[in-house]
N, C-alpha and C. Protein backbone atom coordinates (compact mmCIF):
# COMPACT_ATOMS: atom_id res chain seq x y z
N MET A 1 -20.04 21.79 55.79
CA MET A 1 -19.78 20.98 54.60
C MET A 1 -18.65 20.01 54.90
N PRO A 2 -18.84 18.72 54.66
CA PRO A 2 -17.80 17.74 54.97
C PRO A 2 -16.61 17.87 54.02
N ARG A 3 -15.50 17.38 54.53
CA ARG A 3 -14.26 17.44 53.75
C ARG A 3 -14.28 16.36 52.68
N ALA A 4 -13.99 16.75 51.46
CA ALA A 4 -13.98 15.79 50.35
C ALA A 4 -12.63 15.08 50.30
N THR A 5 -12.64 13.75 50.27
CA THR A 5 -11.39 13.00 50.22
C THR A 5 -11.31 12.12 48.97
N THR A 6 -12.27 12.25 48.09
CA THR A 6 -12.25 11.37 46.91
C THR A 6 -12.13 12.17 45.63
N GLY A 7 -11.84 13.46 45.75
CA GLY A 7 -11.78 14.31 44.56
C GLY A 7 -10.48 14.15 43.79
N ARG A 8 -10.42 14.84 42.68
CA ARG A 8 -9.28 14.75 41.78
C ARG A 8 -8.00 15.29 42.43
N VAL A 9 -8.11 16.42 43.14
CA VAL A 9 -6.94 17.02 43.77
C VAL A 9 -6.34 16.08 44.81
N HIS A 10 -7.20 15.54 45.65
CA HIS A 10 -6.71 14.61 46.69
C HIS A 10 -6.11 13.35 46.07
N HIS A 11 -6.74 12.86 45.03
CA HIS A 11 -6.25 11.65 44.37
C HIS A 11 -4.87 11.91 43.75
N ASN A 12 -4.71 13.06 43.10
CA ASN A 12 -3.42 13.38 42.48
C ASN A 12 -2.33 13.56 43.53
N ARG A 13 -2.68 14.18 44.65
CA ARG A 13 -1.71 14.36 45.72
C ARG A 13 -1.29 13.00 46.29
N SER A 14 -2.27 12.12 46.47
CA SER A 14 -1.98 10.79 46.99
C SER A 14 -1.08 10.03 46.03
N LYS A 15 -1.37 10.12 44.73
CA LYS A 15 -0.55 9.44 43.73
C LYS A 15 0.89 9.95 43.76
N LYS A 16 1.03 11.26 43.92
CA LYS A 16 2.36 11.87 43.94
C LYS A 16 3.17 11.36 45.15
N ILE A 17 2.53 11.32 46.30
CA ILE A 17 3.22 10.87 47.51
C ILE A 17 3.55 9.39 47.42
N LEU A 18 2.63 8.58 46.93
CA LEU A 18 2.89 7.14 46.80
C LEU A 18 3.97 6.87 45.76
N LYS A 19 4.03 7.71 44.73
CA LYS A 19 5.08 7.57 43.73
C LYS A 19 6.44 7.88 44.35
N ASP A 20 6.50 8.91 45.19
CA ASP A 20 7.75 9.25 45.87
C ASP A 20 8.17 8.15 46.84
N ALA A 21 7.19 7.45 47.44
CA ALA A 21 7.48 6.42 48.44
C ALA A 21 7.72 5.05 47.81
N LYS A 22 7.75 4.99 46.50
CA LYS A 22 7.97 3.72 45.83
C LYS A 22 9.35 3.18 46.21
N GLY A 23 9.41 1.92 46.57
CA GLY A 23 10.66 1.31 46.98
C GLY A 23 10.83 1.25 48.48
N PHE A 24 9.98 1.96 49.23
CA PHE A 24 10.02 1.86 50.68
C PHE A 24 9.48 0.49 51.07
N ILE A 25 9.82 0.03 52.27
CA ILE A 25 9.47 -1.32 52.68
C ILE A 25 8.09 -1.36 53.33
N GLY A 26 7.31 -2.38 52.97
CA GLY A 26 6.03 -2.64 53.63
C GLY A 26 4.98 -1.58 53.35
N SER A 27 4.23 -1.26 54.39
CA SER A 27 3.11 -0.33 54.22
C SER A 27 3.59 1.09 53.97
N ARG A 28 4.87 1.35 54.18
CA ARG A 28 5.40 2.69 53.93
C ARG A 28 5.34 3.04 52.45
N SER A 29 5.17 2.04 51.60
CA SER A 29 5.09 2.32 50.17
C SER A 29 3.68 2.14 49.62
N THR A 30 2.75 1.62 50.43
CA THR A 30 1.42 1.34 49.89
C THR A 30 0.31 2.13 50.56
N LEU A 31 0.43 2.40 51.86
CA LEU A 31 -0.61 3.13 52.57
C LEU A 31 -0.30 4.61 52.57
N TYR A 32 -1.31 5.41 52.25
CA TYR A 32 -1.10 6.85 52.06
C TYR A 32 -0.56 7.52 53.31
N ARG A 33 -1.15 7.24 54.46
CA ARG A 33 -0.77 7.97 55.67
C ARG A 33 0.66 7.63 56.11
N THR A 34 1.01 6.35 56.09
CA THR A 34 2.36 5.98 56.48
C THR A 34 3.38 6.40 55.41
N ALA A 35 2.96 6.37 54.15
CA ALA A 35 3.85 6.80 53.07
C ALA A 35 4.13 8.30 53.20
N LYS A 36 3.12 9.05 53.60
CA LYS A 36 3.29 10.49 53.76
C LYS A 36 4.33 10.79 54.85
N ASP A 37 4.24 10.07 55.98
CA ASP A 37 5.20 10.26 57.07
C ASP A 37 6.60 9.82 56.65
N ALA A 38 6.67 8.68 55.96
CA ALA A 38 7.97 8.16 55.54
C ALA A 38 8.63 9.09 54.53
N ARG A 39 7.84 9.65 53.64
CA ARG A 39 8.36 10.57 52.63
C ARG A 39 8.88 11.84 53.29
N ARG A 40 8.13 12.36 54.26
CA ARG A 40 8.55 13.57 54.96
C ARG A 40 9.89 13.33 55.67
N ARG A 41 9.99 12.18 56.34
CA ARG A 41 11.22 11.87 57.04
C ARG A 41 12.38 11.67 56.06
N ALA A 42 12.10 11.05 54.93
CA ALA A 42 13.14 10.83 53.92
C ALA A 42 13.65 12.15 53.36
N LEU A 43 12.73 13.09 53.15
CA LEU A 43 13.14 14.40 52.64
C LEU A 43 13.97 15.15 53.69
N GLN A 44 13.60 15.03 54.95
CA GLN A 44 14.39 15.66 56.02
C GLN A 44 15.80 15.09 56.06
N ASN A 45 15.88 13.77 55.97
CA ASN A 45 17.19 13.12 56.03
C ASN A 45 18.04 13.46 54.82
N SER A 46 17.42 13.55 53.64
CA SER A 46 18.21 13.87 52.46
C SER A 46 18.76 15.29 52.54
N TYR A 47 17.98 16.21 53.10
CA TYR A 47 18.44 17.59 53.28
C TYR A 47 19.62 17.61 54.25
N LYS A 48 19.45 16.92 55.37
CA LYS A 48 20.48 16.88 56.41
C LYS A 48 21.75 16.21 55.89
N ASP A 49 21.60 15.13 55.13
CA ASP A 49 22.76 14.37 54.69
C ASP A 49 23.50 15.03 53.53
N ARG A 50 22.84 15.92 52.80
CA ARG A 50 23.57 16.69 51.80
C ARG A 50 24.60 17.58 52.48
N ARG A 51 24.31 18.06 53.66
CA ARG A 51 25.27 18.86 54.41
C ARG A 51 26.31 17.97 55.10
N ARG A 52 25.88 16.81 55.57
CA ARG A 52 26.80 15.89 56.24
C ARG A 52 27.83 15.34 55.25
N ARG A 53 27.43 15.15 53.99
CA ARG A 53 28.35 14.60 53.00
C ARG A 53 29.59 15.48 52.87
N LYS A 54 29.41 16.79 52.94
CA LYS A 54 30.55 17.71 52.83
C LYS A 54 31.54 17.49 53.97
N ARG A 55 31.02 17.25 55.18
CA ARG A 55 31.89 16.97 56.33
C ARG A 55 32.61 15.65 56.15
N ASP A 56 31.88 14.64 55.68
CA ASP A 56 32.46 13.31 55.52
C ASP A 56 33.59 13.31 54.49
N ILE A 57 33.37 14.02 53.38
CA ILE A 57 34.38 14.07 52.33
C ILE A 57 35.63 14.79 52.83
N ARG A 58 35.43 15.89 53.56
CA ARG A 58 36.59 16.62 54.09
C ARG A 58 37.38 15.73 55.06
N SER A 59 36.69 14.97 55.90
CA SER A 59 37.40 14.10 56.83
C SER A 59 38.14 12.99 56.08
N LEU A 60 37.59 12.53 54.96
CA LEU A 60 38.28 11.53 54.13
C LEU A 60 39.57 12.11 53.57
N TRP A 61 39.50 13.36 53.09
CA TRP A 61 40.71 14.01 52.58
C TRP A 61 41.77 14.10 53.67
N ILE A 62 41.33 14.46 54.88
CA ILE A 62 42.28 14.61 55.99
C ILE A 62 42.93 13.27 56.33
N VAL A 63 42.16 12.20 56.32
CA VAL A 63 42.72 10.86 56.60
C VAL A 63 43.75 10.49 55.54
N ARG A 64 43.45 10.77 54.28
CA ARG A 64 44.38 10.44 53.20
C ARG A 64 45.68 11.24 53.31
N ILE A 65 45.54 12.54 53.59
CA ILE A 65 46.72 13.40 53.73
C ILE A 65 47.55 12.94 54.92
N SER A 66 46.88 12.60 56.01
CA SER A 66 47.57 12.14 57.22
C SER A 66 48.37 10.87 56.94
N ALA A 67 47.76 9.93 56.23
CA ALA A 67 48.46 8.68 55.92
C ALA A 67 49.68 8.93 55.04
N ALA A 68 49.53 9.80 54.05
CA ALA A 68 50.66 10.11 53.18
C ALA A 68 51.74 10.88 53.93
N ALA A 69 51.33 11.77 54.83
CA ALA A 69 52.31 12.53 55.62
C ALA A 69 53.11 11.60 56.52
N LYS A 70 52.47 10.59 57.06
CA LYS A 70 53.17 9.63 57.92
C LYS A 70 54.22 8.86 57.12
N LEU A 71 53.91 8.56 55.84
CA LEU A 71 54.89 7.89 54.99
C LEU A 71 56.09 8.79 54.71
N CYS A 72 55.87 10.09 54.78
CA CYS A 72 56.95 11.06 54.57
C CYS A 72 57.64 11.44 55.87
N GLY A 73 57.24 10.81 56.97
CA GLY A 73 57.89 11.07 58.25
C GLY A 73 57.36 12.30 58.97
N SER A 74 56.13 12.64 58.76
CA SER A 74 55.55 13.81 59.41
C SER A 74 54.15 13.46 59.90
N SER A 75 53.46 14.46 60.42
CA SER A 75 52.06 14.25 60.79
C SER A 75 51.21 15.27 60.05
N TYR A 76 49.93 15.05 60.08
CA TYR A 76 49.01 15.93 59.35
C TYR A 76 49.10 17.36 59.85
N SER A 77 49.04 17.54 61.17
CA SER A 77 49.01 18.89 61.72
C SER A 77 50.31 19.64 61.45
N VAL A 78 51.43 18.94 61.55
CA VAL A 78 52.73 19.57 61.26
C VAL A 78 52.81 19.96 59.79
N LEU A 79 52.33 19.09 58.93
CA LEU A 79 52.35 19.36 57.48
C LEU A 79 51.51 20.58 57.13
N ILE A 80 50.28 20.64 57.63
CA ILE A 80 49.39 21.76 57.31
C ILE A 80 49.97 23.06 57.84
N SER A 81 50.53 23.01 59.05
CA SER A 81 51.16 24.20 59.63
C SER A 81 52.34 24.67 58.78
N ALA A 82 53.16 23.72 58.33
CA ALA A 82 54.31 24.06 57.50
C ALA A 82 53.88 24.63 56.15
N LEU A 83 52.82 24.09 55.58
CA LEU A 83 52.32 24.60 54.30
C LEU A 83 51.85 26.04 54.45
N LYS A 84 51.19 26.35 55.56
CA LYS A 84 50.72 27.72 55.78
C LYS A 84 51.89 28.68 55.98
N LYS A 85 52.91 28.23 56.76
CA LYS A 85 54.08 29.09 57.00
C LYS A 85 54.87 29.32 55.72
N ALA A 86 54.93 28.30 54.86
CA ALA A 86 55.66 28.43 53.60
C ALA A 86 54.83 29.13 52.53
N ASP A 87 53.61 29.51 52.87
CA ASP A 87 52.68 30.20 51.97
C ASP A 87 52.40 29.38 50.71
N ILE A 88 52.25 28.08 50.90
CA ILE A 88 51.85 27.18 49.80
C ILE A 88 50.35 27.01 49.91
N GLN A 89 49.64 27.57 48.96
CA GLN A 89 48.18 27.54 49.02
C GLN A 89 47.65 26.41 48.15
N ILE A 90 47.45 25.30 48.79
CA ILE A 90 46.84 24.15 48.11
C ILE A 90 45.78 23.59 49.04
N ASN A 91 44.61 23.35 48.49
CA ASN A 91 43.51 22.90 49.35
C ASN A 91 43.62 21.41 49.64
N ARG A 92 42.86 20.98 50.63
CA ARG A 92 42.96 19.61 51.09
C ARG A 92 42.51 18.61 50.02
N LYS A 93 41.55 19.01 49.20
CA LYS A 93 41.06 18.13 48.15
C LYS A 93 42.19 17.79 47.17
N MET A 94 42.89 18.82 46.71
CA MET A 94 43.97 18.60 45.75
C MET A 94 45.15 17.88 46.41
N LEU A 95 45.43 18.23 47.66
CA LEU A 95 46.52 17.58 48.38
C LEU A 95 46.26 16.08 48.54
N ALA A 96 45.01 15.75 48.87
CA ALA A 96 44.63 14.33 49.01
C ALA A 96 44.71 13.61 47.67
N GLU A 97 44.29 14.28 46.61
CA GLU A 97 44.33 13.67 45.28
C GLU A 97 45.78 13.41 44.86
N ILE A 98 46.66 14.35 45.14
CA ILE A 98 48.08 14.18 44.82
C ILE A 98 48.67 13.04 45.66
N ALA A 99 48.28 12.97 46.93
CA ALA A 99 48.79 11.92 47.81
C ALA A 99 48.39 10.54 47.32
N VAL A 100 47.19 10.42 46.78
CA VAL A 100 46.71 9.11 46.31
C VAL A 100 47.32 8.75 44.96
N SER A 101 47.38 9.73 44.05
CA SER A 101 47.75 9.40 42.67
C SER A 101 49.26 9.53 42.39
N ASP A 102 49.94 10.48 43.05
CA ASP A 102 51.34 10.72 42.71
C ASP A 102 52.13 11.02 43.98
N MET A 103 52.68 10.00 44.59
CA MET A 103 53.37 10.15 45.87
C MET A 103 54.65 10.95 45.74
N ASN A 104 55.32 10.88 44.60
CA ASN A 104 56.56 11.64 44.40
C ASN A 104 56.28 13.14 44.47
N SER A 105 55.22 13.57 43.83
CA SER A 105 54.85 14.99 43.87
C SER A 105 54.49 15.41 45.28
N PHE A 106 53.81 14.53 46.00
CA PHE A 106 53.45 14.84 47.39
C PHE A 106 54.70 15.02 48.23
N GLN A 107 55.69 14.15 48.04
CA GLN A 107 56.94 14.28 48.79
C GLN A 107 57.65 15.58 48.47
N LYS A 108 57.61 16.02 47.20
CA LYS A 108 58.22 17.29 46.83
C LYS A 108 57.51 18.47 47.49
N ILE A 109 56.18 18.37 47.61
CA ILE A 109 55.43 19.42 48.29
C ILE A 109 55.82 19.47 49.77
N VAL A 110 55.96 18.29 50.37
CA VAL A 110 56.36 18.22 51.78
C VAL A 110 57.74 18.82 51.97
N GLU A 111 58.68 18.50 51.09
CA GLU A 111 60.03 19.06 51.17
C GLU A 111 60.02 20.57 50.98
N GLN A 112 59.22 21.04 50.04
CA GLN A 112 59.14 22.48 49.77
C GLN A 112 58.53 23.21 50.96
N ALA A 113 57.65 22.57 51.68
CA ALA A 113 57.06 23.19 52.86
C ALA A 113 58.07 23.27 54.00
N GLY A 114 59.12 22.48 53.93
CA GLY A 114 60.16 22.53 54.95
C GLY A 114 59.87 21.67 56.16
N VAL A 115 59.13 20.58 55.96
CA VAL A 115 58.84 19.66 57.05
C VAL A 115 60.05 18.78 57.27
N LYS A 116 60.42 18.58 58.53
CA LYS A 116 61.61 17.78 58.84
C LYS A 116 61.31 16.30 58.75
């Protein structure tokens, strides 16, 4: 028995894939076979990049903390080490936010950590 390609199930699946591929460039948004490949690749990349985003954000926090630490006459690694030794438990996200929004508070945290 030959494979049916014009039935309701196949048509609905094709519509779903083409709907997902809407906005892709060229035949990737209009032809079923290329849209199917493009959609699969897009889903793979979105899965991968959801994990990469976490790394990128953490590195952004580290850059911000490092820049603020340099203004206070220290370096990032020395500051983080001093915070751990002084048992000041503040995460990098909050430390970066303080560094950006309130530099005076950041300087007080650096002094409390005992950084020279």
